[in-house]
Protein backbone atom coordinates (compact mmCIF):
# COMPACT_ATOMS: atom_id res chain seq x y z
CA MET A 1 128.26 -18.90 31.92
CA LYS A 2 127.82 -16.90 28.80
CA LYS A 3 127.55 -13.11 29.07
CA ILE A 4 124.54 -11.46 27.33
CA ASN A 5 125.67 -8.93 24.80
CA PHE A 6 123.66 -5.67 25.12
CA ASN A 7 124.17 -3.01 22.46
CA TRP A 8 122.31 -0.13 20.79
CA GLY A 9 120.36 -2.44 18.48
CA THR A 10 119.07 -4.52 21.39
CA GLY A 11 118.00 -1.38 23.29
CA ILE A 12 116.12 0.01 20.30
CA LEU A 13 114.38 -3.32 19.71
CA ILE A 14 113.29 -3.56 23.36
CA THR A 15 112.00 0.04 23.25
CA ILE A 16 109.96 -0.63 20.09
CA ILE A 17 108.47 -3.82 21.55
CA VAL A 18 107.51 -2.08 24.82
CA PHE A 19 105.97 0.82 22.87
CA MET A 20 103.91 -1.59 20.71
CA ILE A 21 102.69 -3.52 23.76
CA ILE A 22 101.57 -0.29 25.48
CA THR A 23 99.88 0.98 22.29
CA LEU A 24 98.03 -2.30 21.65
CA GLY A 25 96.97 -2.50 25.32
CA THR A 26 95.60 1.05 25.17
CA VAL A 27 93.73 0.39 21.92
CA PHE A 28 92.26 -2.83 23.31
CA THR A 29 91.15 -1.07 26.52
CA PHE A 30 89.50 1.82 24.68
CA MET A 31 87.75 -0.44 22.17
CA ASN A 32 86.06 -2.32 25.02
CA GLU A 33 84.93 0.86 26.84
CA ASN A 34 81.16 1.42 26.94
CA VAL A 35 80.24 4.78 25.39
CA ASP A 36 76.79 6.06 26.29
CA LEU A 37 75.43 8.83 24.13
CA VAL A 38 73.34 11.56 25.69
CA THR A 39 70.39 10.27 23.72
CA ASP A 40 69.82 7.67 21.02
CA ASN A 41 68.03 10.09 18.70
CA TYR A 42 70.72 12.76 18.84
CA TYR A 43 69.83 14.61 15.62
CA GLU A 44 66.13 14.91 16.42
CA LYS A 45 66.97 16.37 19.83
CA GLU A 46 69.33 18.88 18.19
CA LEU A 47 66.48 20.21 16.04
CA GLU A 48 64.29 20.66 19.14
CA TYR A 49 67.00 22.54 21.04
CA GLN A 50 65.81 26.04 20.08
CA GLN A 51 62.40 25.25 21.57
CA GLN A 52 64.19 24.21 24.77
CA ILE A 53 66.08 27.53 24.85
CA ASP A 54 62.79 29.41 24.41
CA LYS A 55 61.23 27.50 27.33
CA LEU A 56 64.25 28.19 29.53
CA ASN A 57 64.17 31.93 28.71
CA ARG A 58 60.41 32.09 29.35
CA THR A 59 60.95 30.38 32.72
CA HIS A 60 63.64 32.83 33.85
CA ASN A 61 61.84 35.93 32.54
CA SER A 62 58.52 35.06 34.20
CA GLY A 63 60.03 34.05 37.56
CA MET A 64 58.67 30.50 37.28
CA ASP A 65 61.96 28.80 38.21
CA VAL A 66 61.64 25.55 40.13
CA ASN A 67 63.91 25.13 43.15
CA ILE A 68 65.51 21.66 42.91
CA GLU A 69 67.46 20.42 45.95
CA ILE A 70 68.16 17.38 48.10
CA ILE A 71 66.54 17.39 51.55
CA ASN A 72 66.63 14.36 53.88
CA LEU A 73 67.53 11.84 51.13
CA ASN A 74 64.77 13.18 48.87
CA ILE A 75 64.86 15.31 45.76
CA VAL A 76 62.47 18.16 46.46
CA LEU A 77 61.06 20.24 43.60
CA THR A 78 59.53 23.46 44.90
CA PHE A 79 57.33 25.36 42.46
CA PRO A 80 56.56 29.09 42.70
CA ASP A 81 53.50 30.11 44.72
CA SER A 82 51.88 31.62 41.62
CA ILE A 83 51.27 28.14 40.16
CA LYS A 84 47.97 26.51 40.96
CA THR A 85 48.49 22.78 41.41
CA GLY A 86 45.37 21.81 39.47
CA LYS A 87 46.34 23.50 36.20
CA ILE A 88 49.91 22.24 35.93
CA ASN A 89 51.03 19.17 34.04
CA GLY A 90 54.39 17.94 32.89
CA ASN A 91 57.24 15.52 33.53
CA VAL A 92 60.41 15.18 35.59
CA PHE A 93 63.40 13.61 33.85
CA LEU A 94 66.15 12.02 35.92
CA TYR A 95 69.26 11.88 33.77
CA ARG A 96 72.46 10.06 34.76
CA PRO A 97 75.27 11.16 32.42
CA SER A 98 77.53 8.21 33.25
CA ASP A 99 75.01 5.46 32.45
CA SER A 100 71.82 5.96 30.45
CA LYS A 101 70.18 2.73 31.64
CA TYR A 102 69.38 4.46 34.96
CA ASP A 103 67.58 7.42 33.34
CA GLY A 104 63.95 7.87 34.29
CA LYS A 105 60.82 9.89 33.61
CA LEU A 106 58.14 10.70 36.18
CA PRO A 107 54.84 12.54 35.75
CA LEU A 108 54.49 15.74 37.76
CA GLN A 109 52.54 15.23 40.98
CA ILE A 110 52.58 18.37 43.10
CA ASN A 111 51.29 18.32 46.67
CA GLU A 112 49.32 21.09 48.41
CA ASN A 113 52.60 22.83 49.39
CA GLY A 114 53.59 23.26 45.75
CA GLN A 115 56.25 20.57 45.99
CA MET A 116 57.04 17.23 44.43
CA ILE A 117 59.17 14.86 46.50
CA ILE A 118 61.19 12.09 44.84
CA SER A 119 62.91 9.48 47.02
CA THR A 120 66.60 8.86 46.29
CA LYS A 121 66.64 5.40 47.89
CA GLU A 122 66.36 3.62 44.54
CA LEU A 123 68.76 5.96 42.69
CA MET A 124 72.43 5.16 42.25
CA ILE A 125 74.95 7.22 44.18
CA GLY A 126 76.60 9.83 42.00
CA PHE A 127 75.98 12.74 39.66
CA TRP A 128 72.44 13.31 38.32
CA LYS A 129 70.70 15.97 36.29
CA VAL A 130 67.07 16.71 37.13
CA LYS A 131 65.08 18.29 34.31
CA VAL A 132 61.53 19.53 34.80
CA GLU A 133 59.23 20.36 31.88
CA TRP A 134 55.76 21.67 32.67
CA SER A 135 53.00 23.75 31.21
CA VAL A 136 50.48 26.14 32.73
CA ASP A 137 47.72 27.79 30.69
CA ASN A 138 49.30 26.78 27.34
CA ASP A 139 52.72 28.21 28.32
CA SER A 140 55.61 25.74 28.48
CA PHE A 141 58.42 26.03 31.02
CA PHE A 142 61.69 24.23 31.75
CA SER A 143 64.06 24.03 34.73
CA GLU A 144 67.20 22.00 35.24
CA ASN A 145 69.63 21.39 38.06
CA SER A 146 72.60 19.10 38.71
CA LEU A 147 72.70 17.11 41.93
CA PHE A 148 75.09 14.69 43.60
CA ILE A 149 73.29 11.90 45.42
CA GLN A 150 75.15 10.26 48.30
């Protein structure tokens, strides 16, 4: 039997080969990773951001915040008592940061209790952002909350 000769040169060569394999494996893994942007029209949304800040400030200053919470496997949006259900219109946006194909938009439909109830049965388990945009008497408002659906 012949003895394998192991010296400094062999050790350096093995180290370089292992390093290259790990580097190429990492590059290959990251190149195949799906990267979802927050929105497809990123630059247009950036220009509208100041309007969003104005709506958020108007909402907080006027006390028109919407309470967004999960109750009995439902997302419950509770509007302030000062809002009359007939004069309000707007949308609810369900945003899933980890996968944009599950995002959704619903029209506001408030019941006589000043609430909108959204079932979570068809939503994926995980982290969601619920954004509510509405207007009353030509004033626009915005509320947002993060939820974890189980």
